[in-house]
């Protein structure tokens, strides 16, 4: 793999992790995910907000981000080279990973058709999806077009911080790390 291809995949992984974390914090804070996930309709298949794996999730997103970057690699020239390439990226990500996800996730077409969840459950996560998609495209653009190494260094530092916070959250949720009352 060429150096510019590796850079594109890495930038996408950083952008995904940062966008995922910010959108997730937004959702938990402003969309009431803690309460929603505890409701009977979601509690049967969604981990609760204080579950150890939920805490570990943001730190693992760098792996998912590498997959996202690798999948987007064939479209790199269109995304980075055309006038509205990052808008196309946002539409592609929203369409394929959000609205038309292959599994019956809440908010997806499959979820609407094949689950018994009410329309409310399919709509309540859409602000998180929109925020994630916009942040992902924006951070990708910033990282790809960054002239200064400080921008990329800041993104790497943010992902390291997210990973450390995630690990600390996991250790606290499993009882390994004592949390002051």
Protein backbone atom coordinates (compact mmCIF):
# COMPACT_ATOMS: atom_id res chain seq x y z
CA UNK A 1 0.00 0.00 0.00
CA UNK A 2 1.33 3.42 -0.94
CA UNK A 3 2.19 6.03 1.68
CA UNK A 4 -0.68 8.35 0.62
CA UNK A 5 -3.13 5.43 0.83
CA UNK A 6 -1.95 4.57 4.33
CA UNK A 7 -2.26 8.24 5.28
CA UNK A 8 -5.82 8.38 3.96
CA UNK A 9 -6.86 5.27 5.91
CA UNK A 10 -5.17 6.61 9.07
CA UNK A 11 -6.82 10.03 8.70
CA UNK A 12 -10.22 8.36 8.26
CA UNK A 13 -9.61 6.25 11.37
CA UNK A 14 -8.70 9.33 13.41
CA UNK A 15 -11.69 11.26 12.05
CA UNK A 16 -14.06 8.37 12.77
CA UNK A 17 -12.86 7.96 16.36
CA UNK A 18 -13.10 11.68 17.13
CA UNK A 19 -16.50 12.10 15.45
CA UNK A 20 -17.87 8.94 17.11
CA UNK A 21 -16.76 10.08 20.56
CA UNK A 22 -18.18 13.61 20.23
CA UNK A 23 -21.48 12.38 18.76
CA UNK A 24 -21.74 9.74 21.49
CA UNK A 25 -21.15 12.23 24.30
CA UNK A 26 -23.76 14.49 22.68
CA UNK A 27 -26.25 11.61 22.52
CA UNK A 28 -25.76 10.53 26.13
CA UNK A 29 -25.87 14.11 27.40
CA UNK A 30 -28.65 15.66 25.32
CA UNK A 31 -30.69 12.81 23.82
CA UNK A 32 -31.22 10.84 27.03
CA UNK A 33 -29.53 7.63 25.91
CA UNK A 34 -29.11 6.46 29.52
CA UNK A 35 -32.88 6.55 30.00
CA UNK A 36 -33.73 5.25 26.51
CA UNK A 37 -31.38 2.28 26.73
CA UNK A 38 -32.94 1.31 30.07
CA UNK A 39 -36.43 1.16 28.52
CA UNK A 40 -37.75 -2.35 27.97
CA UNK A 41 -37.74 -2.11 24.16
CA UNK A 42 -33.98 -1.41 24.02
CA UNK A 43 -32.73 -2.97 27.28
CA UNK A 44 -33.07 -6.47 25.82
CA UNK A 45 -30.38 -5.90 23.19
CA UNK A 46 -28.50 -2.68 24.01
CA UNK A 47 -25.82 -2.55 26.68
CA UNK A 48 -26.53 0.03 29.34
CA UNK A 49 -24.51 3.26 29.47
CA UNK A 50 -22.64 2.11 32.61
CA UNK A 51 -21.74 -1.33 31.19
CA UNK A 52 -17.97 -1.98 31.01
CA UNK A 53 -18.11 -2.74 27.28
CA UNK A 54 -19.94 0.53 26.63
CA UNK A 55 -17.09 2.34 28.38
CA UNK A 56 -14.52 0.45 26.31
CA UNK A 57 -16.36 1.12 23.03
CA UNK A 58 -14.95 4.55 22.17
CA UNK A 59 -11.38 3.34 22.60
CA UNK A 60 -12.02 0.44 20.22
CA UNK A 61 -13.35 2.75 17.50
CA UNK A 62 -9.87 3.26 16.05
CA UNK A 63 -10.14 -0.35 14.79
CA UNK A 64 -13.51 0.32 13.19
CA UNK A 65 -12.10 3.55 11.80
CA UNK A 66 -9.32 1.62 10.05
CA UNK A 67 -11.98 -0.54 8.41
CA UNK A 68 -13.95 2.57 7.39
CA UNK A 69 -10.80 4.11 5.93
CA UNK A 70 -9.91 0.94 4.02
CA UNK A 71 -13.43 0.67 2.61
CA UNK A 72 -13.36 4.32 1.51
CA UNK A 73 -9.91 4.00 -0.07
CA UNK A 74 -11.19 3.23 -3.60
CA UNK A 75 -13.15 6.51 -3.44
CA UNK A 76 -10.23 8.58 -2.12
CA UNK A 77 -9.61 10.58 -5.28
CA UNK A 78 -13.30 11.46 -5.60
CA UNK A 79 -13.52 12.46 -1.94
CA UNK A 80 -10.32 14.50 -1.78
CA UNK A 81 -10.09 15.77 -5.34
CA UNK A 82 -13.54 16.96 -6.29
CA UNK A 83 -15.22 20.20 -5.27
CA UNK A 84 -17.99 18.52 -3.27
CA UNK A 85 -16.09 15.35 -2.43
CA UNK A 86 -16.54 15.64 1.32
CA UNK A 87 -20.28 16.26 0.91
CA UNK A 88 -20.38 13.07 -1.15
CA UNK A 89 -18.49 11.34 1.66
CA UNK A 90 -21.07 12.52 4.19
CA UNK A 91 -23.94 11.24 2.04
CA UNK A 92 -22.18 7.93 1.45
CA UNK A 93 -21.53 7.36 5.14
CA UNK A 94 -25.04 8.43 6.19
CA UNK A 95 -26.62 6.24 3.56
CA UNK A 96 -24.56 3.10 3.98
CA UNK A 97 -23.82 3.08 7.70
CA UNK A 98 -26.91 4.85 8.98
CA UNK A 99 -30.09 4.71 6.99
CA UNK A 100 -29.40 1.51 5.07
CA UNK A 101 -27.30 -0.47 7.53
CA UNK A 102 -27.59 -4.17 6.77
CA UNK A 103 -28.66 -5.10 10.28
CA UNK A 104 -32.01 -4.11 11.77
CA UNK A 105 -30.57 -1.26 13.83
CA UNK A 106 -32.87 1.43 15.21
CA UNK A 107 -32.98 4.31 12.73
CA UNK A 108 -32.17 2.16 9.72
CA UNK A 109 -34.52 1.02 6.98
CA UNK A 110 -34.03 -2.61 8.08
CA UNK A 111 -34.81 -1.67 11.67
CA UNK A 112 -38.00 0.11 10.66
CA UNK A 113 -39.19 -2.85 8.58
CA UNK A 114 -38.07 -5.81 10.69
CA UNK A 115 -38.26 -4.72 14.31
CA UNK A 116 -41.27 -4.06 16.48
CA UNK A 117 -39.77 -0.82 17.78
CA UNK A 118 -42.01 2.22 17.57
CA UNK A 119 -41.22 5.03 15.15
CA UNK A 120 -39.91 7.06 18.11
CA UNK A 121 -37.01 4.63 18.58
CA UNK A 122 -36.09 4.95 14.92
CA UNK A 123 -36.09 8.74 15.03
CA UNK A 124 -34.50 9.54 18.40
CA UNK A 125 -30.94 8.61 17.32
CA UNK A 126 -30.98 10.57 14.07
CA UNK A 127 -29.44 13.74 15.57
CA UNK A 128 -26.46 11.62 16.67
CA UNK A 129 -26.13 10.18 13.16
CA UNK A 130 -26.28 13.61 11.53
CA UNK A 131 -23.72 15.04 13.97
CA UNK A 132 -21.40 12.06 13.47
CA UNK A 133 -21.59 12.27 9.67
CA UNK A 134 -20.93 16.02 9.59
CA UNK A 135 -18.03 15.76 12.06
CA UNK A 136 -16.54 12.77 10.25
CA UNK A 137 -16.54 14.54 6.88
CA UNK A 138 -15.24 17.79 8.42
CA UNK A 139 -12.41 16.15 10.39
CA UNK A 140 -11.45 14.05 7.34
CA UNK A 141 -11.24 17.23 5.28
CA UNK A 142 -9.20 19.02 7.95
CA UNK A 143 -6.75 16.14 8.28
CA UNK A 144 -6.32 15.53 4.56
CA UNK A 145 -5.87 19.22 3.75
CA UNK A 146 -3.81 20.10 6.85
CA UNK A 147 -0.60 21.88 5.94
CA UNK A 148 0.73 21.86 9.48
CA UNK A 149 1.74 18.74 11.35
CA UNK A 150 0.21 20.23 14.50
CA UNK A 151 -3.31 19.51 13.17
CA UNK A 152 -2.56 15.81 12.72
CA UNK A 153 -0.68 15.70 16.02
CA UNK A 154 -3.73 17.18 17.76
CA UNK A 155 -5.95 14.52 16.17
CA UNK A 156 -3.62 11.74 17.30
CA UNK A 157 -3.51 13.25 20.80
CA UNK A 158 -7.32 13.40 20.87
CA UNK A 159 -7.58 9.72 19.91
CA UNK A 160 -4.98 8.75 22.53
CA UNK A 161 -6.96 10.72 25.13
CA UNK A 162 -10.24 9.09 24.02
CA UNK A 163 -8.59 5.66 24.28
CA UNK A 164 -7.21 6.38 27.76
CA UNK A 165 -10.56 7.72 28.98
CA UNK A 166 -12.24 4.66 27.53
CA UNK A 167 -9.81 2.33 29.29
CA UNK A 168 -10.24 4.19 32.59
CA UNK A 169 -14.02 3.97 32.19
CA UNK A 170 -13.77 0.24 31.56
CA UNK A 171 -11.53 -0.28 34.61
CA UNK A 172 -13.90 1.77 36.77
CA UNK A 173 -16.98 -0.08 35.48
CA UNK A 174 -15.38 -3.47 36.22
CA UNK A 175 -14.36 -2.38 39.72
CA UNK A 176 -10.62 -2.60 39.05
CA UNK A 177 -10.26 1.15 39.47
CA UNK A 178 -11.88 2.70 42.53
CA UNK A 179 -14.10 5.67 41.78
CA UNK A 180 -14.35 8.30 44.53
CA UNK A 181 -17.88 8.84 45.78
